[in-house]
Amino acid sequence: MNVVILQPSYIPWRGFFHQVHKADLFVFYDDVQYDKRGWRNRNRIKTAAGPLWLTIPVLARGAQIEHTPINEIRVCWDEAWNQAHWKSIQHAYGKAPFFKQYAGLLEEKYGTHPEYLADFTTDLTVLLARTLGIAHTRFLRSSELEGVSGAKTERLISILQKVGATHYISGPSARDYIEEDLFRAAGITLEYMAYNYPEYEQLYPPFEAQVSVLDLLFMTGPNALQAIL
């Protein structure tokens, strides 16, 4: 069984969904330490003025956040960030060929009021995966598993053994720290992703690859998955 383990991210880029597609089971790694400068609560969309960061505000600050698991991070509702994000998406992509086709689904999701960041980002990721046409992949959160032990590679192996994985698909940057001998000892094969995607027409040239999958979805519609695979 092919398994991917990745931290939940906010409206991820297309490489994330490529891994989702390759997995029989996708595990949201949501009980590890939150990284405040990562992709857990932010991503970029493409606008006429260039890439724009959309950031979900969270309650934890400073040293507190460095020791908080992702699934315990609470969303800050001092301002209606969800409405602001949706307005920014509308403004950026209102003229995109397939915006109207998918706007209703996203508008409904941005109308919710989640308490926890991971609840919102995982639900939105699953919604986007199904919208892209990825129907076969099952989803699980690592916080739902009992008896997981170890740290770093050992913890990954523990999760993989719990779910019955035979093959693990990792991002390419993990080559720097994954202990491959532990995978061999566990009898689990290991594959690294290679991200090499074609360009597609965007509203505001030049082409920008490092943006949320929303850009691809709104511009290519039903063909978005083919632009990923």
Protein backbone atom coordinates (compact mmCIF):
# COMPACT_ATOMS: atom_id res chain seq x y z
CA MET A 1 0.00 0.00 0.00
CA ASN A 2 1.37 3.40 -1.02
CA VAL A 3 1.38 5.93 1.82
CA VAL A 4 2.29 9.61 2.04
CA ILE A 5 2.78 11.46 5.34
CA LEU A 6 2.76 15.26 5.13
CA GLN A 7 1.99 18.09 7.50
CA PRO A 8 -1.33 19.78 6.74
CA SER A 9 -0.92 22.98 4.73
CA TYR A 10 -3.16 25.84 3.67
CA ILE A 11 -4.36 25.60 0.03
CA PRO A 12 -1.17 23.73 -1.04
CA TRP A 13 0.59 23.87 -4.41
CA ARG A 14 0.15 21.21 -7.09
CA GLY A 15 3.12 19.09 -5.98
CA PHE A 16 1.28 18.38 -2.72
CA PHE A 17 -1.70 17.06 -4.67
CA HIS A 18 0.58 14.97 -6.89
CA GLN A 19 1.59 13.13 -3.72
CA VAL A 20 -2.05 12.84 -2.69
CA HIS A 21 -2.82 11.22 -6.04
CA LYS A 22 0.05 8.72 -5.75
CA ALA A 23 -1.11 7.60 -2.30
CA ASP A 24 -3.58 4.89 -1.41
CA LEU A 25 -3.57 6.45 2.06
CA PHE A 26 -2.57 10.04 2.79
CA VAL A 27 -1.72 10.80 6.43
CA PHE A 28 -1.93 14.40 7.61
CA TYR A 29 1.00 14.65 10.03
CA ASP A 30 -0.87 16.89 12.44
CA ASP A 31 0.55 16.00 15.85
CA VAL A 32 4.09 17.24 15.27
CA GLN A 33 5.41 20.67 16.23
CA TYR A 34 3.93 23.66 14.42
CA ASP A 35 6.40 25.64 12.30
CA LYS A 36 5.45 29.30 12.26
CA ARG A 37 7.42 30.12 9.10
CA GLY A 38 6.16 27.17 7.08
CA TRP A 39 3.04 26.49 5.02
CA ARG A 40 0.70 25.42 7.82
CA ASN A 41 -1.31 28.66 7.81
CA ARG A 42 -0.29 30.49 4.65
CA ASN A 43 0.14 30.25 0.90
CA ARG A 44 0.30 32.49 -2.14
CA ILE A 45 -2.11 33.31 -4.93
CA LYS A 46 -1.24 35.11 -8.17
CA THR A 47 -2.59 38.62 -8.67
CA ALA A 48 -2.10 41.43 -11.18
CA ALA A 49 0.40 42.94 -8.73
CA GLY A 50 2.30 39.69 -8.27
CA PRO A 51 2.07 36.85 -5.73
CA LEU A 52 -0.01 37.68 -2.65
CA TRP A 53 0.33 35.91 0.69
CA LEU A 54 -2.87 34.71 2.34
CA THR A 55 -2.17 34.01 6.02
CA ILE A 56 -4.58 32.56 8.57
CA PRO A 57 -3.91 34.29 11.92
CA VAL A 58 -3.38 31.97 14.88
CA LEU A 59 -3.58 32.58 18.61
CA ALA A 60 -0.25 31.14 19.77
CA ARG A 61 2.68 33.54 19.80
CA GLY A 62 6.42 33.50 20.40
CA ALA A 63 7.96 30.68 22.42
CA GLN A 64 4.53 29.18 23.08
CA ILE A 65 4.01 28.28 19.44
CA GLU A 66 7.38 26.52 19.18
CA HIS A 67 6.16 23.73 21.45
CA THR A 68 2.57 23.38 20.22
CA PRO A 69 1.44 20.48 18.00
CA ILE A 70 -0.21 21.51 14.76
CA ASN A 71 -3.55 20.02 15.74
CA GLU A 72 -3.68 22.21 18.87
CA ILE A 73 -3.13 25.53 17.07
CA ARG A 74 -6.23 27.71 17.37
CA VAL A 75 -7.38 30.19 14.76
CA CYS A 76 -7.52 33.85 15.79
CA TRP A 77 -10.89 35.43 15.03
CA ASP A 78 -10.14 39.02 16.04
CA GLU A 79 -10.76 39.86 12.38
CA ALA A 80 -12.81 38.16 9.66
CA TRP A 81 -9.77 36.79 7.83
CA ASN A 82 -11.91 34.19 6.04
CA GLN A 83 -13.97 36.89 4.33
CA ALA A 84 -10.81 38.84 3.48
CA HIS A 85 -9.18 35.75 1.94
CA TRP A 86 -12.26 34.95 -0.11
CA LYS A 87 -12.45 38.52 -1.38
CA SER A 88 -8.79 38.38 -2.38
CA ILE A 89 -9.38 35.09 -4.23
CA GLN A 90 -12.41 36.57 -6.00
CA HIS A 91 -10.48 39.67 -6.99
CA ALA A 92 -7.49 37.67 -8.26
CA TYR A 93 -9.43 34.99 -10.16
CA GLY A 94 -12.83 36.41 -10.96
CA LYS A 95 -11.88 36.54 -14.65
CA ALA A 96 -10.30 33.07 -14.73
CA PRO A 97 -11.99 30.64 -17.17
CA PHE A 98 -13.23 28.20 -14.52
CA PHE A 99 -13.66 30.42 -11.48
CA LYS A 100 -17.46 30.34 -11.54
CA GLN A 101 -17.45 26.55 -11.82
CA TYR A 102 -15.73 26.15 -8.44
CA ALA A 103 -16.55 29.38 -6.62
CA GLY A 104 -19.58 27.99 -4.82
CA LEU A 105 -17.67 25.16 -3.14
CA LEU A 106 -14.95 27.46 -1.91
CA GLU A 107 -17.27 30.24 -0.83
CA GLU A 108 -19.13 27.75 1.37
CA LYS A 109 -15.87 26.56 2.95
CA TYR A 110 -14.73 30.14 3.59
CA GLY A 111 -18.04 30.77 5.30
CA THR A 112 -17.16 28.37 8.13
CA HIS A 113 -15.77 29.40 11.52
CA PRO A 114 -13.24 26.73 12.60
CA GLU A 115 -11.69 26.76 16.07
CA TYR A 116 -8.58 24.83 15.07
CA LEU A 117 -6.31 25.55 12.12
CA ALA A 118 -5.80 21.87 11.18
CA ASP A 119 -9.53 21.22 11.05
CA PHE A 120 -9.91 23.91 8.40
CA THR A 121 -6.80 23.13 6.35
CA THR A 122 -7.29 19.35 6.25
CA ASP A 123 -10.97 19.65 5.30
CA LEU A 124 -10.14 22.18 2.58
CA THR A 125 -7.34 19.97 1.23
CA VAL A 126 -9.65 16.95 1.00
CA LEU A 127 -12.28 19.10 -0.73
CA LEU A 128 -9.71 20.32 -3.27
CA ALA A 129 -8.43 16.77 -3.86
CA ARG A 130 -11.92 15.51 -4.64
CA THR A 131 -12.61 18.58 -6.80
CA LEU A 132 -9.44 17.82 -8.78
CA GLY A 133 -10.78 14.33 -9.43
CA ILE A 134 -8.67 12.40 -6.91
CA ALA A 135 -11.25 9.90 -5.74
CA HIS A 136 -9.27 6.83 -4.69
CA THR A 137 -7.07 8.25 -1.93
CA ARG A 138 -8.13 7.73 1.69
CA PHE A 139 -7.24 10.33 4.32
CA LEU A 140 -6.21 9.96 7.94
CA ARG A 141 -4.77 12.27 10.61
CA SER A 142 -1.76 10.99 12.54
CA SER A 143 -3.34 12.25 15.78
CA GLU A 144 -6.01 9.58 15.30
CA LEU A 145 -3.45 6.77 15.61
CA GLU A 146 -2.62 5.20 18.96
CA GLY A 147 0.71 3.77 20.04
CA VAL A 148 2.94 5.71 17.64
CA SER A 149 6.44 6.04 19.06
CA GLY A 150 9.91 7.36 18.29
CA ALA A 151 11.16 10.55 16.69
CA LYS A 152 12.02 11.64 13.16
CA THR A 153 12.43 8.64 10.83
CA GLU A 154 11.56 6.15 13.57
CA ARG A 155 8.24 7.90 14.10
CA LEU A 156 7.48 7.82 10.37
CA ILE A 157 8.22 4.09 10.35
CA SER A 158 5.94 3.60 13.36
CA ILE A 159 3.06 5.35 11.56
CA LEU A 160 3.68 3.39 8.37
CA GLN A 161 3.65 0.10 10.25
CA LYS A 162 0.44 1.07 12.06
CA VAL A 163 -1.38 1.66 8.77
CA GLY A 164 0.09 -1.34 6.94
CA ALA A 165 2.20 0.57 4.43
CA THR A 166 4.49 -1.25 2.02
CA HIS A 167 5.72 1.78 0.06
CA TYR A 168 6.44 5.34 1.27
CA ILE A 169 6.43 8.37 -1.03
CA SER A 170 8.43 11.36 0.20
CA GLY A 171 9.26 14.85 -0.98
CA PRO A 172 12.77 15.24 -2.47
CA SER A 173 14.11 17.48 0.31
CA ALA A 174 13.72 14.61 2.81
CA ARG A 175 16.80 12.93 1.28
CA ASP A 176 18.86 15.14 3.59
CA TYR A 177 17.53 13.62 6.79
CA ILE A 178 15.63 10.37 6.17
CA GLU A 179 17.45 7.31 7.54
CA GLU A 180 16.94 4.98 4.59
CA ASP A 181 18.37 1.97 6.41
CA LEU A 182 15.39 2.05 8.81
CA PHE A 183 13.03 1.70 5.86
CA ARG A 184 14.99 -1.26 4.55
CA ALA A 185 14.95 -2.89 7.98
CA ALA A 186 11.16 -2.41 8.17
CA GLY A 187 10.62 -3.86 4.70
CA ILE A 188 9.09 -0.63 3.38
CA THR A 189 10.22 0.65 -0.01
CA LEU A 190 11.01 4.33 -0.40
CA GLU A 191 10.34 6.71 -3.29
CA TYR A 192 11.27 10.38 -3.67
CA MET A 193 9.10 12.74 -5.67
CA ALA A 194 10.47 14.63 -8.68
CA TYR A 195 8.65 17.89 -9.29
CA ASN A 196 8.80 18.78 -12.98
CA TYR A 197 5.55 20.33 -14.12
CA PRO A 198 4.60 22.05 -17.38
CA GLU A 199 3.64 25.68 -17.46
CA TYR A 200 0.02 26.63 -18.13
CA GLU A 201 -1.63 29.89 -19.07
CA GLN A 202 -2.02 32.29 -16.15
CA LEU A 203 -3.95 35.55 -16.02
CA TYR A 204 -0.93 37.71 -15.27
CA PRO A 205 2.34 36.70 -16.99
CA PRO A 206 5.13 35.85 -16.44
CA PHE A 207 4.46 32.34 -15.21
CA GLU A 208 4.72 31.77 -11.47
CA ALA A 209 4.96 28.14 -10.33
CA GLN A 210 5.05 28.61 -6.57
CA VAL A 211 1.42 29.47 -5.95
CA SER A 212 -1.58 27.64 -4.51
CA VAL A 213 -3.29 24.93 -6.55
CA LEU A 214 -6.27 27.31 -6.76
CA ASP A 215 -4.47 29.07 -9.60
CA LEU A 216 -4.22 25.85 -11.61
CA LEU A 217 -7.80 24.85 -10.82
CA PHE A 218 -9.33 28.17 -11.85
CA MET A 219 -7.24 28.37 -15.03
CA THR A 220 -7.45 24.79 -16.33
CA GLY A 221 -10.61 23.41 -14.70
CA PRO A 222 -11.24 19.71 -15.46
CA ASN A 223 -7.76 19.45 -16.98
CA ALA A 224 -6.03 20.49 -13.75
CA LEU A 225 -5.20 16.95 -12.66
CA GLN A 226 -3.49 16.23 -15.99
CA ALA A 227 -1.31 19.31 -15.44
CA ILE A 228 -0.28 17.76 -12.16
CA LEU A 229 0.36 14.22 -13.37
